[in-house]
C-alpha atoms as a PDB file:
ATOM      1  CA  MET A   1    -136.727-215.920 119.310  1.00  0.00           C
ATOM      2  CA  ALA A   2    -132.832-215.661 118.937  1.00  0.00           C
ATOM      3  CA  LYS A   3    -131.199-212.643 120.487  1.00  0.00           C
ATOM      4  CA  LEU A   4    -129.731-210.219 117.925  1.00  0.00           C
ATOM      5  CA  GLN A   5    -126.174-209.091 118.063  1.00  0.00           C
ATOM      6  CA  LYS A   6    -125.535-206.067 120.234  1.00  0.00           C
ATOM      7  CA  ASN A   7    -124.259-203.990 117.350  1.00  0.00           C
ATOM      8  CA  SER A   8    -127.392-204.540 115.112  1.00  0.00           C
ATOM      9  CA  PRO A   9    -129.145-201.448 113.811  1.00  0.00           C
ATOM     10  CA  PRO A  10    -132.119-200.372 115.878  1.00  0.00           C
ATOM     11  CA  ALA A  11    -134.422-200.610 112.933  1.00  0.00           C
ATOM     12  CA  LEU A  12    -133.609-204.274 112.586  1.00  0.00           C
ATOM     13  CA  GLU A  13    -134.364-204.919 116.187  1.00  0.00           C
ATOM     14  CA  GLU A  14    -137.588-203.091 115.928  1.00  0.00           C
ATOM     15  CA  TRP A  15    -138.661-205.206 112.829  1.00  0.00           C
ATOM     16  CA  THR A  16    -137.755-208.424 114.483  1.00  0.00           C
ATOM     17  CA  GLN A  17    -139.580-207.338 117.763  1.00  0.00           C
ATOM     18  CA  ARG A  18    -142.639-206.575 115.744  1.00  0.00           C
ATOM     19  CA  ALA A  19    -142.562-209.761 113.778  1.00  0.00           C
ATOM     20  CA  ASP A  20    -142.207-211.696 117.064  1.00  0.00           C
ATOM     21  CA  GLU A  21    -145.213-209.971 118.649  1.00  0.00           C
ATOM     22  CA  PHE A  22    -147.202-210.520 115.511  1.00  0.00           C
ATOM     23  CA  ALA A  23    -146.436-214.220 115.428  1.00  0.00           C
ATOM     24  CA  ARG A  24    -147.375-214.531 119.045  1.00  0.00           C
ATOM     25  CA  ARG A  25    -150.679-212.649 118.638  1.00  0.00           C
ATOM     26  CA  GLU A  26    -151.777-214.196 115.236  1.00  0.00           C
ATOM     27  CA  PRO A  27    -149.757-217.434 114.669  1.00  0.00           C
ATOM     28  CA  ALA A  28    -152.006-218.531 111.694  1.00  0.00           C
ATOM     29  CA  LYS A  29    -151.623-215.160 109.938  1.00  0.00           C
ATOM     30  CA  ALA A  30    -147.754-215.455 110.516  1.00  0.00           C
ATOM     31  CA  VAL A  31    -147.523-218.890 109.104  1.00  0.00           C
ATOM     32  CA  VAL A  32    -149.600-217.970 105.978  1.00  0.00           C
ATOM     33  CA  SER A  33    -147.440-214.876 105.628  1.00  0.00           C
ATOM     34  CA  ALA A  34    -144.265-216.797 105.818  1.00  0.00           C
ATOM     35  CA  PHE A  35    -145.498-219.332 103.448  1.00  0.00           C
ATOM     36  CA  GLY A  36    -146.504-216.556 100.855  1.00  0.00           C
ATOM     37  CA  ALA A  37    -143.151-214.830 101.289  1.00  0.00           C
ATOM     38  CA  GLY A  38    -141.359-218.158 100.707  1.00  0.00           C
ATOM     39  CA  PHE A  39    -143.466-218.812  97.594  1.00  0.00           C
ATOM     40  CA  LEU A  40    -142.793-215.548  96.128  1.00  0.00           C
ATOM     41  CA  LEU A  41    -139.064-215.871  96.723  1.00  0.00           C
ATOM     42  CA  ASN A  42    -139.226-219.244  95.051  1.00  0.00           C
ATOM     43  CA  LEU A  43    -140.743-217.775  91.964  1.00  0.00           C
ATOM     44  CA  LEU A  44    -137.789-215.464  91.515  1.00  0.00           C
ATOM     45  CA  PRO A  45    -135.379-216.742  88.941  1.00  0.00           C
ATOM     46  CA  LEU A  46    -132.425-216.715  91.363  1.00  0.00           C
ATOM     47  CA  GLY A  47    -130.731-219.567  89.705  1.00  0.00           C
ATOM     48  CA  ALA A  48    -130.785-217.843  86.407  1.00  0.00           C
ATOM     49  CA  ILE A  49    -129.461-214.605  88.007  1.00  0.00           C
ATOM     50  CA  VAL A  50    -126.693-216.351  89.785  1.00  0.00           C
ATOM     51  CA  GLY A  51    -125.812-218.357  86.665  1.00  0.00           C
ATOM     52  CA  ALA A  52    -125.613-215.150  84.578  1.00  0.00           C
ATOM     53  CA  LEU A  53    -123.269-213.548  87.225  1.00  0.00           C
ATOM     54  CA  VAL A  54    -121.032-216.476  87.258  1.00  0.00           C
ATOM     55  CA  GLY A  55    -120.912-216.576  83.510  1.00  0.00           C
ATOM     56  CA  ILE A  56    -120.100-212.855  83.467  1.00  0.00           C
ATOM     57  CA  ALA A  57    -117.387-213.330  85.974  1.00  0.00           C
ATOM     58  CA  PHE A  58    -115.794-216.161  84.178  1.00  0.00           C
ATOM     59  CA  SER A  59    -115.847-214.395  80.820  1.00  0.00           C
ATOM     60  CA  LEU A  60    -113.956-211.406  82.508  1.00  0.00           C
ATOM     61  CA  VAL A  61    -111.299-213.597  84.165  1.00  0.00           C
ATOM     62  CA  ARG A  62    -109.152-213.931  81.056  1.00  0.00           C
ATOM     63  CA  PRO A  63    -108.962-210.281  80.060  1.00  0.00           C
ATOM     64  CA  VAL A  64    -108.274-209.273  83.689  1.00  0.00           C
ATOM     65  CA  LEU A  65    -105.462-211.834  84.015  1.00  0.00           C
ATOM     66  CA  LEU A  66    -104.008-210.666  80.639  1.00  0.00           C
ATOM     67  CA  PHE A  67    -104.192-207.142  81.814  1.00  0.00           C
ATOM     68  CA  LEU A  68    -102.581-207.889  85.169  1.00  0.00           C
ATOM     69  CA  GLY A  69     -99.839-209.894  83.311  1.00  0.00           C
ATOM     70  CA  LEU A  70     -99.091-206.935  81.046  1.00  0.00           C
ATOM     71  CA  ILE A  71     -98.727-204.698  83.992  1.00  0.00           C
ATOM     72  CA  LYS A  72     -96.189-207.052  85.700  1.00  0.00           C
ATOM     73  CA  ALA A  73     -94.319-207.355  82.459  1.00  0.00           C
ATOM     74  CA  VAL A  74     -93.991-203.668  82.191  1.00  0.00           C
ATOM     75  CA  GLU A  75     -92.822-203.450  85.808  1.00  0.00           C
ATOM     76  CA  PHE A  76     -90.248-206.256  85.105  1.00  0.00           C
ATOM     77  CA  TYR A  77     -88.942-204.440  81.998  1.00  0.00           C
ATOM     78  CA  ARG A  78     -88.662-201.157  83.843  1.00  0.00           C
ATOM     79  CA  THR A  79     -86.583-202.848  86.703  1.00  0.00           C
ATOM     80  CA  GLN A  80     -84.325-204.605  84.192  1.00  0.00           C
ATOM     81  CA  THR A  81     -83.628-201.406  82.103  1.00  0.00           C
ATOM     82  CA  GLN A  82     -83.053-198.990  85.019  1.00  0.00           C
ATOM     83  CA  PRO A  83     -79.464-197.660  85.130  1.00  0.00           C
ATOM     84  CA  THR A  84     -77.455-199.115  87.922  1.00  0.00           C
ATOM     85  CA  ASP A  85     -75.201-196.932  90.151  1.00  0.00           C
ATOM     86  CA  SER A  86     -71.515-197.611  89.114  1.00  0.00           C
ATOM     87  CA  ASN A  87     -70.116-195.261  91.796  1.00  0.00           C
ATOM     88  CA  GLU A  88     -69.338-198.103  94.206  1.00  0.00           C
END
């Protein structure tokens, strides 16, 4: 098994060590468990979830850019209308 990074949390190290010991003691159960976990993860509609998040992100891009453009326009207007020092 690959070594974990030195700054990994102790709970993660314990879980990986326990999983490694389980796989060495009972390899058949470990393979069936891994297959079952993979199957359950495959049933999740990850594509639909990611697609929905991307759709939401793209629908928010235009209003955010408009808002940022308005902020920059106000900043530009304020710098143009500030009185200049004529003491020099």
